[in-house]
Amino acid sequence: MKRIKRFAIVIALFFGLAQISNAQTPNEEGAIDLNLGIGITSGLGFVPVYFGGNYMVNDWLSVGAQLSLRLDKTKYTYSHLVGNQKYKRTGFGIITCGDYHFNELLETPEEFDIFAGISLGVGIYGKSTYDDYVYQDSRVYFIGGVHAGAKWFFSDKFGLHLVIGGRSGDGFHGDFGVTYKLK
């Protein structure tokens, strides 16, 4: 009797998961999704909070843009004589990207989206301060590099995404957040 119950549960789970995956929408031409999340960078120490979007040009190519608020507020200790010094700066990043989507090539389930691409943009940050001393008034720098990522849609409209890569000015970067599919 236990075997029959287990078999029935496995069959019910299988059909339930099949229905969930059939409810997902694949990447198709004209699809638009919005991303919101938090990231890390190793090069300049920023913690970006970002908002962006992607547009599917066709089933395997997308273009997008991202606007990020970059925050850095740390304490440094140089020696026991100097003590702690507070270092603060805030900036913005405007980044565009182009991605190749591997779903058809890898035959992934429709709820998953695996992609890789390039990023190009500009980073801007205002004055940097050590305690109350203004270290640098502002800086504009080029952001360019490569990234790879994945999205998992757990419903028709909502999903999670993770992107990692390397960019000039930022060093290693990683982004994690939620995705909302508009179309």
N, C-alpha and C. Protein backbone atom coordinates (compact mmCIF):
# COMPACT_ATOMS: atom_id res chain seq x y z
N MET A 1 0.82 -1.20 0.00
CA MET A 1 0.00 0.00 0.00
C MET A 1 0.86 1.27 0.00
N LYS A 2 1.99 1.24 0.77
CA LYS A 2 2.87 2.40 0.82
C LYS A 2 3.46 2.69 -0.55
N ARG A 3 3.79 1.66 -1.30
CA ARG A 3 4.35 1.86 -2.65
C ARG A 3 3.36 2.56 -3.56
N ILE A 4 2.11 2.18 -3.46
CA ILE A 4 1.08 2.80 -4.30
C ILE A 4 0.93 4.28 -3.95
N LYS A 5 0.95 4.60 -2.65
CA LYS A 5 0.85 6.00 -2.21
C LYS A 5 2.05 6.81 -2.71
N ARG A 6 3.25 6.24 -2.55
CA ARG A 6 4.45 6.93 -3.02
C ARG A 6 4.41 7.15 -4.52
N PHE A 7 4.00 6.12 -5.25
CA PHE A 7 3.90 6.22 -6.71
C PHE A 7 2.89 7.30 -7.09
N ALA A 8 1.74 7.35 -6.40
CA ALA A 8 0.72 8.36 -6.69
C ALA A 8 1.25 9.76 -6.40
N ILE A 9 2.00 9.91 -5.30
CA ILE A 9 2.57 11.21 -4.97
C ILE A 9 3.59 11.64 -6.02
N VAL A 10 4.45 10.72 -6.45
CA VAL A 10 5.45 11.04 -7.47
C VAL A 10 4.76 11.44 -8.77
N ILE A 11 3.73 10.72 -9.19
CA ILE A 11 3.00 11.05 -10.42
C ILE A 11 2.33 12.42 -10.28
N ALA A 12 1.71 12.69 -9.14
CA ALA A 12 1.06 13.99 -8.93
C ALA A 12 2.08 15.12 -8.98
N LEU A 13 3.23 14.93 -8.33
CA LEU A 13 4.29 15.95 -8.38
C LEU A 13 4.79 16.15 -9.80
N PHE A 14 4.96 15.05 -10.53
CA PHE A 14 5.44 15.15 -11.91
C PHE A 14 4.48 15.96 -12.77
N PHE A 15 3.17 15.64 -12.69
CA PHE A 15 2.20 16.39 -13.48
C PHE A 15 2.06 17.83 -13.01
N GLY A 16 2.18 18.05 -11.69
CA GLY A 16 2.14 19.42 -11.17
C GLY A 16 3.30 20.25 -11.68
N LEU A 17 4.52 19.69 -11.63
CA LEU A 17 5.69 20.41 -12.15
C LEU A 17 5.60 20.61 -13.64
N ALA A 18 5.05 19.64 -14.35
CA ALA A 18 4.88 19.79 -15.80
C ALA A 18 3.93 20.94 -16.11
N GLN A 19 2.86 21.08 -15.31
CA GLN A 19 1.93 22.19 -15.52
C GLN A 19 2.59 23.53 -15.23
N ILE A 20 3.42 23.57 -14.17
CA ILE A 20 4.12 24.81 -13.84
C ILE A 20 5.06 25.19 -14.98
N SER A 21 5.83 24.23 -15.49
CA SER A 21 6.77 24.56 -16.55
C SER A 21 6.06 24.91 -17.84
N ASN A 22 4.87 24.34 -18.09
CA ASN A 22 4.11 24.72 -19.28
C ASN A 22 3.55 26.12 -19.16
N ALA A 23 3.37 26.60 -17.93
CA ALA A 23 2.85 27.95 -17.72
C ALA A 23 3.90 29.01 -17.98
N GLN A 24 5.16 28.64 -18.02
CA GLN A 24 6.23 29.60 -18.22
C GLN A 24 6.21 30.10 -19.66
N THR A 25 6.69 31.31 -19.85
CA THR A 25 6.78 31.86 -21.19
C THR A 25 8.24 31.86 -21.63
N PRO A 26 8.53 31.33 -22.81
CA PRO A 26 9.92 31.29 -23.27
C PRO A 26 10.38 32.66 -23.76
N ASN A 27 11.67 32.78 -23.98
CA ASN A 27 12.20 34.00 -24.60
C ASN A 27 11.69 34.03 -26.02
N GLU A 28 11.05 35.09 -26.37
CA GLU A 28 10.55 35.25 -27.72
C GLU A 28 10.74 36.69 -28.16
N GLU A 29 10.74 36.88 -29.44
CA GLU A 29 10.94 38.21 -29.99
C GLU A 29 9.92 39.19 -29.42
N GLY A 30 10.41 40.33 -28.96
CA GLY A 30 9.55 41.37 -28.41
C GLY A 30 9.32 41.28 -26.92
N ALA A 31 9.79 40.24 -26.26
CA ALA A 31 9.61 40.10 -24.81
C ALA A 31 10.43 41.16 -24.07
N ILE A 32 9.87 41.68 -23.01
CA ILE A 32 10.54 42.70 -22.19
C ILE A 32 10.49 42.25 -20.74
N ASP A 33 11.64 42.35 -20.06
CA ASP A 33 11.64 42.08 -18.62
C ASP A 33 12.38 43.18 -17.88
N LEU A 34 11.98 43.39 -16.63
CA LEU A 34 12.57 44.40 -15.76
C LEU A 34 13.29 43.70 -14.61
N ASN A 35 14.44 44.24 -14.22
CA ASN A 35 15.25 43.64 -13.17
C ASN A 35 15.51 44.65 -12.06
N LEU A 36 15.47 44.18 -10.83
CA LEU A 36 15.74 45.01 -9.66
C LEU A 36 16.56 44.17 -8.70
N GLY A 37 17.65 44.74 -8.17
CA GLY A 37 18.47 43.94 -7.27
C GLY A 37 19.61 44.70 -6.64
N ILE A 38 20.51 43.91 -6.05
CA ILE A 38 21.69 44.45 -5.38
C ILE A 38 22.91 43.70 -5.90
N GLY A 39 24.05 44.36 -5.88
CA GLY A 39 25.24 43.73 -6.42
C GLY A 39 26.47 43.97 -5.56
N ILE A 40 27.58 43.47 -6.06
CA ILE A 40 28.88 43.69 -5.42
C ILE A 40 29.90 43.97 -6.51
N THR A 41 30.91 44.75 -6.17
CA THR A 41 32.04 44.97 -7.07
C THR A 41 33.31 44.87 -6.24
N SER A 42 34.38 44.40 -6.87
CA SER A 42 35.63 44.28 -6.13
C SER A 42 36.59 45.42 -6.42
N GLY A 43 36.49 46.03 -7.60
CA GLY A 43 37.47 47.03 -8.01
C GLY A 43 37.44 48.30 -7.21
N LEU A 44 36.30 48.92 -7.09
CA LEU A 44 36.19 50.19 -6.38
C LEU A 44 35.42 50.07 -5.08
N GLY A 45 34.96 48.88 -4.74
CA GLY A 45 34.31 48.67 -3.46
C GLY A 45 32.86 49.11 -3.38
N PHE A 46 32.24 49.44 -4.49
CA PHE A 46 30.85 49.87 -4.45
C PHE A 46 29.91 48.71 -4.19
N VAL A 47 28.77 49.01 -3.58
CA VAL A 47 27.63 48.10 -3.48
C VAL A 47 26.51 48.73 -4.30
N PRO A 48 26.31 48.28 -5.54
CA PRO A 48 25.28 48.90 -6.37
C PRO A 48 23.88 48.35 -6.09
N VAL A 49 22.92 49.24 -6.06
CA VAL A 49 21.51 48.90 -6.08
C VAL A 49 21.04 49.31 -7.46
N TYR A 50 20.45 48.37 -8.22
CA TYR A 50 20.23 48.66 -9.63
C TYR A 50 18.81 48.36 -10.08
N PHE A 51 18.45 48.99 -11.19
CA PHE A 51 17.19 48.76 -11.90
C PHE A 51 17.54 48.73 -13.38
N GLY A 52 17.00 47.76 -14.09
CA GLY A 52 17.30 47.66 -15.51
C GLY A 52 16.23 46.91 -16.24
N GLY A 53 16.44 46.77 -17.54
CA GLY A 53 15.50 46.05 -18.37
C GLY A 53 16.18 45.46 -19.58
N ASN A 54 15.53 44.45 -20.17
CA ASN A 54 16.03 43.78 -21.37
C ASN A 54 14.92 43.64 -22.38
N TYR A 55 15.29 43.75 -23.64
CA TYR A 55 14.36 43.58 -24.75
C TYR A 55 14.88 42.47 -25.65
N MET A 56 14.06 41.47 -25.92
CA MET A 56 14.45 40.36 -26.78
C MET A 56 14.31 40.79 -28.25
N VAL A 57 15.44 40.94 -28.93
CA VAL A 57 15.45 41.30 -30.35
C VAL A 57 14.91 40.13 -31.16
N ASN A 58 15.34 38.93 -30.82
CA ASN A 58 14.78 37.69 -31.37
C ASN A 58 14.91 36.61 -30.29
N ASP A 59 14.78 35.34 -30.65
CA ASP A 59 14.77 34.28 -29.64
C ASP A 59 16.10 34.08 -28.94
N TRP A 60 17.19 34.56 -29.49
CA TRP A 60 18.51 34.30 -28.92
C TRP A 60 19.33 35.55 -28.60
N LEU A 61 18.84 36.74 -28.90
CA LEU A 61 19.59 37.97 -28.69
C LEU A 61 18.74 39.01 -27.96
N SER A 62 19.33 39.61 -26.92
CA SER A 62 18.63 40.69 -26.21
C SER A 62 19.57 41.87 -26.02
N VAL A 63 18.98 43.04 -25.87
CA VAL A 63 19.72 44.25 -25.53
C VAL A 63 19.05 44.84 -24.29
N GLY A 64 19.85 45.54 -23.50
CA GLY A 64 19.28 46.08 -22.28
C GLY A 64 20.08 47.23 -21.73
N ALA A 65 19.59 47.77 -20.63
CA ALA A 65 20.25 48.88 -19.95
C ALA A 65 20.01 48.74 -18.45
N GLN A 66 20.92 49.34 -17.69
CA GLN A 66 20.83 49.27 -16.23
C GLN A 66 21.30 50.59 -15.64
N LEU A 67 20.57 51.08 -14.67
CA LEU A 67 20.94 52.27 -13.92
C LEU A 67 21.18 51.83 -12.48
N SER A 68 22.34 52.19 -11.94
CA SER A 68 22.65 51.75 -10.58
C SER A 68 23.08 52.92 -9.70
N LEU A 69 22.65 52.87 -8.46
CA LEU A 69 23.11 53.78 -7.42
C LEU A 69 24.20 53.02 -6.70
N ARG A 70 25.40 53.60 -6.65
CA ARG A 70 26.56 52.91 -6.09
C ARG A 70 26.95 53.55 -4.78
N LEU A 71 26.95 52.75 -3.73
CA LEU A 71 27.22 53.25 -2.39
C LEU A 71 28.49 52.62 -1.84
N ASP A 72 29.29 53.40 -1.12
CA ASP A 72 30.48 52.89 -0.46
C ASP A 72 30.67 53.69 0.82
N LYS A 73 30.56 53.03 1.96
CA LYS A 73 30.75 53.68 3.25
C LYS A 73 31.50 52.69 4.13
N THR A 74 32.78 52.89 4.27
CA THR A 74 33.61 51.94 5.01
C THR A 74 34.44 52.67 6.05
N LYS A 75 35.00 51.90 6.96
CA LYS A 75 35.93 52.44 7.95
C LYS A 75 37.27 51.75 7.75
N TYR A 76 38.32 52.52 7.76
CA TYR A 76 39.67 52.00 7.63
C TYR A 76 40.44 52.27 8.91
N THR A 77 41.27 51.34 9.33
CA THR A 77 42.19 51.55 10.45
C THR A 77 43.60 51.42 9.92
N TYR A 78 44.37 52.51 9.96
CA TYR A 78 45.73 52.51 9.41
C TYR A 78 46.77 52.12 10.46
N SER A 79 46.60 52.53 11.69
CA SER A 79 47.52 52.15 12.76
C SER A 79 46.83 52.44 14.09
N HIS A 80 47.43 51.97 15.15
CA HIS A 80 46.83 52.22 16.46
C HIS A 80 46.93 53.70 16.84
N LEU A 81 47.83 54.44 16.19
CA LEU A 81 47.97 55.87 16.49
C LEU A 81 46.91 56.70 15.79
N VAL A 82 46.61 56.34 14.53
CA VAL A 82 45.65 57.11 13.74
C VAL A 82 44.23 56.75 14.11
N GLY A 83 43.95 55.47 14.34
CA GLY A 83 42.59 55.04 14.67
C GLY A 83 41.76 54.82 13.41
N ASN A 84 40.46 54.82 13.56
CA ASN A 84 39.55 54.60 12.44
C ASN A 84 39.33 55.89 11.66
N GLN A 85 39.32 55.75 10.35
CA GLN A 85 38.94 56.86 9.49
C GLN A 85 37.74 56.42 8.68
N LYS A 86 36.77 57.30 8.52
CA LYS A 86 35.57 56.99 7.76
C LYS A 86 35.75 57.44 6.32
N TYR A 87 35.44 56.55 5.39
CA TYR A 87 35.56 56.82 3.97
C TYR A 87 34.18 56.67 3.36
N LYS A 88 33.71 57.69 2.63
CA LYS A 88 32.38 57.65 2.03
C LYS A 88 32.43 58.16 0.59
N ARG A 89 31.62 57.56 -0.24
CA ARG A 89 31.38 58.10 -1.59
C ARG A 89 30.11 57.47 -2.15
N THR A 90 29.48 58.18 -3.04
CA THR A 90 28.25 57.73 -3.69
C THR A 90 28.39 58.01 -5.18
N GLY A 91 27.85 57.12 -5.99
CA GLY A 91 27.95 57.32 -7.42
C GLY A 91 26.80 56.68 -8.17
N PHE A 92 26.87 56.80 -9.49
CA PHE A 92 25.87 56.22 -10.38
C PHE A 92 26.57 55.45 -11.48
N GLY A 93 25.90 54.47 -11.99
CA GLY A 93 26.39 53.73 -13.14
C GLY A 93 25.29 53.64 -14.18
N ILE A 94 25.65 53.88 -15.42
CA ILE A 94 24.72 53.73 -16.55
C ILE A 94 25.38 52.73 -17.49
N ILE A 95 24.76 51.55 -17.61
CA ILE A 95 25.39 50.45 -18.34
C ILE A 95 24.41 49.88 -19.36
N THR A 96 24.90 49.63 -20.56
CA THR A 96 24.12 48.93 -21.57
C THR A 96 24.71 47.53 -21.75
N CYS A 97 23.90 46.62 -22.26
CA CYS A 97 24.41 45.26 -22.45
C CYS A 97 23.75 44.60 -23.66
N GLY A 98 24.45 43.65 -24.19
CA GLY A 98 23.94 42.78 -25.25
C GLY A 98 24.20 41.35 -24.82
N ASP A 99 23.18 40.49 -24.92
CA ASP A 99 23.29 39.12 -24.43
C ASP A 99 22.89 38.10 -25.49
N TYR A 100 23.61 36.99 -25.52
CA TYR A 100 23.24 35.82 -26.30
C TYR A 100 22.60 34.82 -25.34
N HIS A 101 21.42 34.32 -25.69
CA HIS A 101 20.67 33.39 -24.84
C HIS A 101 20.86 31.97 -25.37
N PHE A 102 21.32 31.08 -24.51
CA PHE A 102 21.69 29.72 -24.88
C PHE A 102 20.55 28.71 -24.75
N ASN A 103 19.33 29.12 -24.52
CA ASN A 103 18.23 28.21 -24.24
C ASN A 103 18.00 27.19 -25.35
N GLU A 104 17.93 27.64 -26.56
CA GLU A 104 17.67 26.72 -27.67
C GLU A 104 18.87 25.81 -27.91
N LEU A 105 20.06 26.36 -27.82
CA LEU A 105 21.28 25.59 -28.03
C LEU A 105 21.45 24.50 -26.97
N LEU A 106 21.18 24.84 -25.70
CA LEU A 106 21.34 23.88 -24.60
C LEU A 106 20.07 23.10 -24.29
N GLU A 107 18.97 23.43 -24.97
CA GLU A 107 17.67 22.79 -24.77
C GLU A 107 17.26 22.82 -23.29
N THR A 108 17.34 24.00 -22.69
CA THR A 108 16.96 24.15 -21.29
C THR A 108 15.45 24.24 -21.15
N PRO A 109 14.91 23.89 -19.98
CA PRO A 109 13.48 24.08 -19.75
C PRO A 109 13.11 25.55 -19.89
N GLU A 110 11.86 25.82 -20.25
CA GLU A 110 11.43 27.19 -20.54
C GLU A 110 11.50 28.13 -19.36
N GLU A 111 11.43 27.60 -18.12
CA GLU A 111 11.48 28.49 -16.97
C GLU A 111 12.89 28.99 -16.67
N PHE A 112 13.89 28.45 -17.35
CA PHE A 112 15.27 28.89 -17.16
C PHE A 112 15.75 29.67 -18.38
N ASP A 113 16.60 30.66 -18.13
CA ASP A 113 17.19 31.46 -19.19
C ASP A 113 18.68 31.59 -18.86
N ILE A 114 19.53 31.05 -19.72
CA ILE A 114 20.97 31.10 -19.53
C ILE A 114 21.54 32.00 -20.61
N PHE A 115 22.37 32.99 -20.22
CA PHE A 115 22.86 33.96 -21.18
C PHE A 115 24.27 34.41 -20.84
N ALA A 116 24.92 35.02 -21.81
CA ALA A 116 26.24 35.63 -21.64
C ALA A 116 26.32 36.81 -22.59
N GLY A 117 27.13 37.81 -22.24
CA GLY A 117 27.20 38.98 -23.10
C GLY A 117 28.26 39.96 -22.68
N ILE A 118 28.14 41.16 -23.26
CA ILE A 118 29.08 42.25 -22.97
C ILE A 118 28.34 43.43 -22.36
N SER A 119 29.07 44.20 -21.57
CA SER A 119 28.53 45.39 -20.92
C SER A 119 29.39 46.59 -21.29
N LEU A 120 28.76 47.70 -21.59
CA LEU A 120 29.45 48.96 -21.86
C LEU A 120 28.70 50.08 -21.16
N GLY A 121 29.44 50.98 -20.55
CA GLY A 121 28.77 52.08 -19.89
C GLY A 121 29.74 53.06 -19.26
N VAL A 122 29.19 53.84 -18.35
CA VAL A 122 29.98 54.86 -17.67
C VAL A 122 29.61 54.86 -16.18
N GLY A 123 30.61 55.05 -15.35
CA GLY A 123 30.39 55.20 -13.92
C GLY A 123 30.75 56.61 -13.50
N ILE A 124 29.99 57.16 -12.59
CA ILE A 124 30.20 58.53 -12.13
C ILE A 124 30.09 58.50 -10.61
N TYR A 125 31.05 59.07 -9.92
CA TYR A 125 30.83 59.25 -8.50
C TYR A 125 31.29 60.62 -8.08
N GLY A 126 30.62 61.12 -7.06
CA GLY A 126 30.88 62.46 -6.55
C GLY A 126 32.06 62.47 -5.60
N LYS A 127 32.08 63.43 -4.73
CA LYS A 127 33.24 63.61 -3.86
C LYS A 127 33.46 62.41 -2.96
N SER A 128 34.73 62.10 -2.74
CA SER A 128 35.14 61.08 -1.79
C SER A 128 35.68 61.78 -0.56
N THR A 129 35.29 61.33 0.61
CA THR A 129 35.74 61.97 1.83
C THR A 129 36.37 60.96 2.77
N TYR A 130 37.47 61.36 3.39
CA TYR A 130 38.07 60.64 4.52
C TYR A 130 37.78 61.50 5.73
N ASP A 131 36.99 61.00 6.64
CA ASP A 131 36.48 61.79 7.77
C ASP A 131 35.83 63.05 7.19
N ASP A 132 36.36 64.23 7.44
CA ASP A 132 35.76 65.45 6.89
C ASP A 132 36.59 66.05 5.76
N TYR A 133 37.68 65.42 5.40
CA TYR A 133 38.55 65.93 4.35
C TYR A 133 38.07 65.42 2.99
N VAL A 134 37.83 66.34 2.03
CA VAL A 134 37.41 65.96 0.69
C VAL A 134 38.63 65.48 -0.09
N TYR A 135 38.63 64.22 -0.44
CA TYR A 135 39.77 63.60 -1.12
C TYR A 135 39.73 63.87 -2.62
N GLN A 136 38.59 63.68 -3.25
CA GLN A 136 38.46 63.87 -4.69
C GLN A 136 37.06 64.37 -4.96
N ASP A 137 36.94 65.38 -5.81
CA ASP A 137 35.63 65.96 -6.06
C ASP A 137 34.71 65.05 -6.85
N SER A 138 35.15 64.53 -7.98
CA SER A 138 34.31 63.64 -8.77
C SER A 138 35.19 62.87 -9.75
N ARG A 139 34.62 61.81 -10.28
CA ARG A 139 35.34 61.00 -11.24
C ARG A 139 34.35 60.35 -12.19
N VAL A 140 34.69 60.32 -13.46
CA VAL A 140 33.91 59.63 -14.48
C VAL A 140 34.83 58.57 -15.06
N TYR A 141 34.35 57.36 -15.18
CA TYR A 141 35.19 56.30 -15.71
C TYR A 141 34.38 55.37 -16.61
N PHE A 142 35.07 54.71 -17.52
CA PHE A 142 34.48 53.79 -18.48
C PHE A 142 34.25 52.44 -17.81
N ILE A 143 33.12 51.82 -18.11
CA ILE A 143 32.82 50.47 -17.63
C ILE A 143 32.63 49.60 -18.87
N GLY A 144 33.40 48.54 -18.96
CA GLY A 144 33.27 47.61 -20.07
C GLY A 144 33.73 46.23 -19.65
N GLY A 145 33.04 45.20 -20.11
CA GLY A 145 33.46 43.85 -19.75
C GLY A 145 32.48 42.80 -20.21
N VAL A 146 32.67 41.60 -19.69
CA VAL A 146 31.84 40.45 -20.06
C VAL A 146 31.13 39.92 -18.81
N HIS A 147 30.03 39.21 -19.06
CA HIS A 147 29.27 38.64 -17.95
C HIS A 147 28.55 37.37 -18.43
N ALA A 148 28.13 36.57 -17.47
CA ALA A 148 27.29 35.39 -17.73
C ALA A 148 26.24 35.37 -16.63
N GLY A 149 25.08 34.85 -16.97
CA GLY A 149 24.01 34.84 -15.97
C GLY A 149 22.92 33.85 -16.28
N ALA A 150 21.99 33.78 -15.34
CA ALA A 150 20.85 32.89 -15.47
C ALA A 150 19.64 33.52 -14.80
N LYS A 151 18.48 33.19 -15.34
CA LYS A 151 17.21 33.60 -14.74
C LYS A 151 16.36 32.36 -14.55
N TRP A 152 15.61 32.34 -13.47
CA TRP A 152 14.68 31.26 -13.20
C TRP A 152 13.32 31.88 -12.94
N PHE A 153 12.35 31.60 -13.80
CA PHE A 153 11.00 32.11 -13.66
C PHE A 153 10.17 31.08 -12.90
N PHE A 154 9.75 31.44 -11.69
CA PHE A 154 8.95 30.52 -10.89
C PHE A 154 7.46 30.75 -11.10
N SER A 155 7.08 31.74 -11.90
CA SER A 155 5.70 31.95 -12.32
C SER A 155 5.73 32.56 -13.72
N ASP A 156 4.56 32.86 -14.25
CA ASP A 156 4.50 33.44 -15.60
C ASP A 156 5.21 34.79 -15.67
N LYS A 157 5.17 35.57 -14.61
CA LYS A 157 5.68 36.93 -14.63
C LYS A 157 6.92 37.18 -13.78
N PHE A 158 7.14 36.39 -12.73
CA PHE A 158 8.20 36.67 -11.77
C PHE A 158 9.29 35.62 -11.79
N GLY A 159 10.52 36.10 -11.54
CA GLY A 159 11.66 35.19 -11.47
C GLY A 159 12.80 35.80 -10.69
N LEU A 160 13.87 35.03 -10.56
CA LEU A 160 15.10 35.47 -9.91
C LEU A 160 16.23 35.46 -10.93
N HIS A 161 17.20 36.33 -10.77
CA HIS A 161 18.33 36.34 -11.69
C HIS A 161 19.65 36.49 -10.93
N LEU A 162 20.71 35.97 -11.53
CA LEU A 162 22.05 36.05 -11.00
C LEU A 162 22.99 36.29 -12.17
N VAL A 163 23.85 37.31 -12.06
CA VAL A 163 24.81 37.64 -13.12
C VAL A 163 26.18 37.83 -12.47
N ILE A 164 27.22 37.24 -13.06
CA ILE A 164 28.59 37.44 -12.60
C ILE A 164 29.46 37.78 -13.79
N GLY A 165 30.55 38.51 -13.54
CA GLY A 165 31.44 38.86 -14.63
C GLY A 165 32.58 39.73 -14.17
N GLY A 166 33.27 40.30 -15.14
CA GLY A 166 34.37 41.21 -14.86
C GLY A 166 34.25 42.44 -15.74
N ARG A 167 34.49 43.61 -15.16
CA ARG A 167 34.39 44.87 -15.92
C ARG A 167 35.53 45.78 -15.53
N SER A 168 35.98 46.57 -16.49
CA SER A 168 36.97 47.60 -16.19
C SER A 168 36.35 48.61 -15.23
N GLY A 169 37.13 49.07 -14.30
CA GLY A 169 36.62 50.02 -13.31
C GLY A 169 35.94 49.36 -12.14
N ASP A 170 35.26 48.24 -12.35
CA ASP A 170 34.56 47.54 -11.28
C ASP A 170 35.29 46.30 -10.81
N GLY A 171 36.14 45.72 -11.63
CA GLY A 171 36.74 44.43 -11.30
C GLY A 171 35.68 43.35 -11.41
N PHE A 172 35.72 42.39 -10.48
CA PHE A 172 34.67 41.37 -10.43
C PHE A 172 33.37 42.03 -10.04
N HIS A 173 32.27 41.62 -10.66
CA HIS A 173 30.97 42.12 -10.24
C HIS A 173 29.97 40.98 -10.23
N GLY A 174 29.03 41.08 -9.36
CA GLY A 174 27.94 40.12 -9.26
C GLY A 174 26.65 40.85 -8.96
N ASP A 175 25.57 40.40 -9.57
CA ASP A 175 24.25 40.99 -9.36
C ASP A 175 23.26 39.89 -9.01
N PHE A 176 22.37 40.16 -8.08
CA PHE A 176 21.32 39.23 -7.72
C PHE A 176 20.04 40.01 -7.47
N GLY A 177 18.92 39.51 -8.01
CA GLY A 177 17.67 40.23 -7.79
C GLY A 177 16.47 39.51 -8.36
N VAL A 178 15.39 40.27 -8.50
CA VAL A 178 14.13 39.74 -9.02
C VAL A 178 13.91 40.26 -10.43
N THR A 179 13.19 39.48 -11.21
CA THR A 179 12.86 39.83 -12.58
C THR A 179 11.35 39.80 -12.74
N TYR A 180 10.82 40.80 -13.43
CA TYR A 180 9.39 40.85 -13.75
C TYR A 180 9.26 40.91 -15.27
N LYS A 181 8.52 39.98 -15.84
CA LYS A 181 8.34 39.92 -17.29
C LYS A 181 7.11 40.74 -17.67
N LEU A 182 7.34 41.83 -18.42
CA LEU A 182 6.24 42.68 -18.87
C LEU A 182 5.45 42.06 -20.02
N LYS A 183 6.19 41.50 -20.95
CA LYS A 183 5.56 41.02 -22.18
C LYS A 183 6.16 39.71 -22.59
